[in-house]
Amino acid sequence: MEADMAEIVVRDARARHASEKPGDFAAGE
């Protein structure tokens, strides 16, 4: 369960980062 929660947190963090700085996020990928 901990792994699932961590994955959800990571996805949420990435989604927020993409929304705040789409250009920087794209460059990071």
PDB file of N, CA and C in Angstrom:
ATOM      1  N   MET A   1       0.841  -1.216   0.000  1.00  0.00           N
ATOM      2  CA  MET A   1       0.000   0.000   0.000  1.00  0.00           C
ATOM      3  C   MET A   1       0.874   1.264   0.000  1.00  0.00           C
ATOM      4  N   GLU A   2       1.971   1.184   0.727  1.00  0.00           N
ATOM      5  CA  GLU A   2       2.848   2.356   0.790  1.00  0.00           C
ATOM      6  C   GLU A   2       3.363   2.721  -0.604  1.00  0.00           C
ATOM      7  N   ALA A   3       3.655   1.708  -1.390  1.00  0.00           N
ATOM      8  CA  ALA A   3       4.168   1.955  -2.744  1.00  0.00           C
ATOM      9  C   ALA A   3       3.101   2.663  -3.574  1.00  0.00           C
ATOM     10  N   ASP A   4       1.863   2.240  -3.427  1.00  0.00           N
ATOM     11  CA  ASP A   4       0.774   2.865  -4.185  1.00  0.00           C
ATOM     12  C   ASP A   4       0.623   4.328  -3.790  1.00  0.00           C
ATOM     13  N   MET A   5       0.675   4.601  -2.502  1.00  0.00           N
ATOM     14  CA  MET A   5       0.541   5.976  -2.030  1.00  0.00           C
ATOM     15  C   MET A   5       1.678   6.831  -2.562  1.00  0.00           C
ATOM     16  N   ALA A   6       2.874   6.295  -2.533  1.00  0.00           N
ATOM     17  CA  ALA A   6       4.039   7.039  -3.017  1.00  0.00           C
ATOM     18  C   ALA A   6       3.870   7.360  -4.498  1.00  0.00           C
ATOM     19  N   GLU A   7       3.360   6.395  -5.253  1.00  0.00           N
ATOM     20  CA  GLU A   7       3.180   6.613  -6.692  1.00  0.00           C
ATOM     21  C   GLU A   7       2.163   7.718  -6.926  1.00  0.00           C
ATOM     22  N   ILE A   8       1.086   7.704  -6.133  1.00  0.00           N
ATOM     23  CA  ILE A   8       0.047   8.737  -6.269  1.00  0.00           C
ATOM     24  C   ILE A   8       0.634  10.109  -5.942  1.00  0.00           C
ATOM     25  N   VAL A   9       1.425  10.176  -4.912  1.00  0.00           N
ATOM     26  CA  VAL A   9       2.037  11.441  -4.504  1.00  0.00           C
ATOM     27  C   VAL A   9       2.956  11.955  -5.605  1.00  0.00           C
ATOM     28  N   VAL A  10       3.728  11.053  -6.185  1.00  0.00           N
ATOM     29  CA  VAL A  10       4.656  11.436  -7.261  1.00  0.00           C
ATOM     30  C   VAL A  10       3.883  11.956  -8.464  1.00  0.00           C
ATOM     31  N   ARG A  11       2.819  11.252  -8.824  1.00  0.00           N
ATOM     32  CA  ARG A  11       2.005  11.676  -9.972  1.00  0.00           C
ATOM     33  C   ARG A  11       1.422  13.061  -9.712  1.00  0.00           C
ATOM     34  N   ASP A  12       0.921  13.262  -8.502  1.00  0.00           N
ATOM     35  CA  ASP A  12       0.317  14.550  -8.164  1.00  0.00           C
ATOM     36  C   ASP A  12       1.361  15.654  -8.221  1.00  0.00           C
ATOM     37  N   ALA A  13       2.545  15.370  -7.707  1.00  0.00           N
ATOM     38  CA  ALA A  13       3.618  16.370  -7.715  1.00  0.00           C
ATOM     39  C   ALA A  13       4.014  16.712  -9.148  1.00  0.00           C
ATOM     40  N   ARG A  14       4.123  15.692  -9.989  1.00  0.00           N
ATOM     41  CA  ARG A  14       4.497  15.933 -11.389  1.00  0.00           C
ATOM     42  C   ARG A  14       3.418  16.729 -12.099  1.00  0.00           C
ATOM     43  N   ALA A  15       2.166  16.398 -11.817  1.00  0.00           N
ATOM     44  CA  ALA A  15       1.043  17.090 -12.455  1.00  0.00           C
ATOM     45  C   ALA A  15       1.049  18.568 -12.057  1.00  0.00           C
ATOM     46  N   ARG A  16       1.287  18.826 -10.768  1.00  0.00           N
ATOM     47  CA  ARG A  16       1.326  20.217 -10.291  1.00  0.00           C
ATOM     48  C   ARG A  16       2.484  20.961 -10.950  1.00  0.00           C
ATOM     49  N   HIS A  17       3.625  20.320 -11.018  1.00  0.00           N
ATOM     50  CA  HIS A  17       4.805  20.955 -11.598  1.00  0.00           C
ATOM     51  C   HIS A  17       4.555  21.268 -13.070  1.00  0.00           C
ATOM     52  N   ALA A  18       3.896  20.342 -13.761  1.00  0.00           N
ATOM     53  CA  ALA A  18       3.607  20.538 -15.180  1.00  0.00           C
ATOM     54  C   ALA A  18       2.649  21.716 -15.361  1.00  0.00           C
ATOM     55  N   SER A  19       1.697  21.836 -14.446  1.00  0.00           N
ATOM     56  CA  SER A  19       0.713  22.916 -14.550  1.00  0.00           C
ATOM     57  C   SER A  19       1.366  24.269 -14.251  1.00  0.00           C
ATOM     58  N   GLU A  20       2.287  24.266 -13.283  1.00  0.00           N
ATOM     59  CA  GLU A  20       2.930  25.517 -12.898  1.00  0.00           C
ATOM     60  C   GLU A  20       3.994  25.941 -13.911  1.00  0.00           C
ATOM     61  N   LYS A  21       4.803  24.961 -14.349  1.00  0.00           N
ATOM     62  CA  LYS A  21       5.871  25.283 -15.297  1.00  0.00           C
ATOM     63  C   LYS A  21       5.927  24.232 -16.395  1.00  0.00           C
ATOM     64  N   PRO A  22       4.997  24.277 -17.343  1.00  0.00           N
ATOM     65  CA  PRO A  22       4.954  23.290 -18.437  1.00  0.00           C
ATOM     66  C   PRO A  22       6.239  23.274 -19.258  1.00  0.00           C
ATOM     67  N   GLY A  23       6.810  24.438 -19.503  1.00  0.00           N
ATOM     68  CA  GLY A  23       8.033  24.506 -20.295  1.00  0.00           C
ATOM     69  C   GLY A  23       9.187  23.826 -19.591  1.00  0.00           C
ATOM     70  N   ASP A  24       9.369  24.137 -18.303  1.00  0.00           N
ATOM     71  CA  ASP A  24      10.456  23.563 -17.537  1.00  0.00           C
ATOM     72  C   ASP A  24      10.249  22.056 -17.387  1.00  0.00           C
ATOM     73  N   PHE A  25       8.998  21.658 -17.187  1.00  0.00           N
ATOM     74  CA  PHE A  25       8.678  20.242 -17.014  1.00  0.00           C
ATOM     75  C   PHE A  25       9.033  19.474 -18.286  1.00  0.00           C
ATOM     76  N   ALA A  26       8.667  20.030 -19.438  1.00  0.00           N
ATOM     77  CA  ALA A  26       8.938  19.393 -20.719  1.00  0.00           C
ATOM     78  C   ALA A  26      10.452  19.257 -20.915  1.00  0.00           C
ATOM     79  N   ALA A  27      11.189  20.268 -20.522  1.00  0.00           N
ATOM     80  CA  ALA A  27      12.637  20.249 -20.679  1.00  0.00           C
ATOM     81  C   ALA A  27      13.236  19.179 -19.767  1.00  0.00           C
ATOM     82  N   GLY A  28      12.623  19.014 -18.576  1.00  0.00           N
ATOM     83  CA  GLY A  28      13.111  18.019 -17.630  1.00  0.00           C
ATOM     84  C   GLY A  28      12.941  16.612 -18.183  1.00  0.00           C
ATOM     85  N   GLU A  29      11.849  16.399 -18.888  1.00  0.00           N
ATOM     86  CA  GLU A  29      11.593  15.076 -19.456  1.00  0.00           C
ATOM     87  C   GLU A  29      12.576  14.837 -20.592  1.00  0.00           C
TER      88      GLU A  29
END
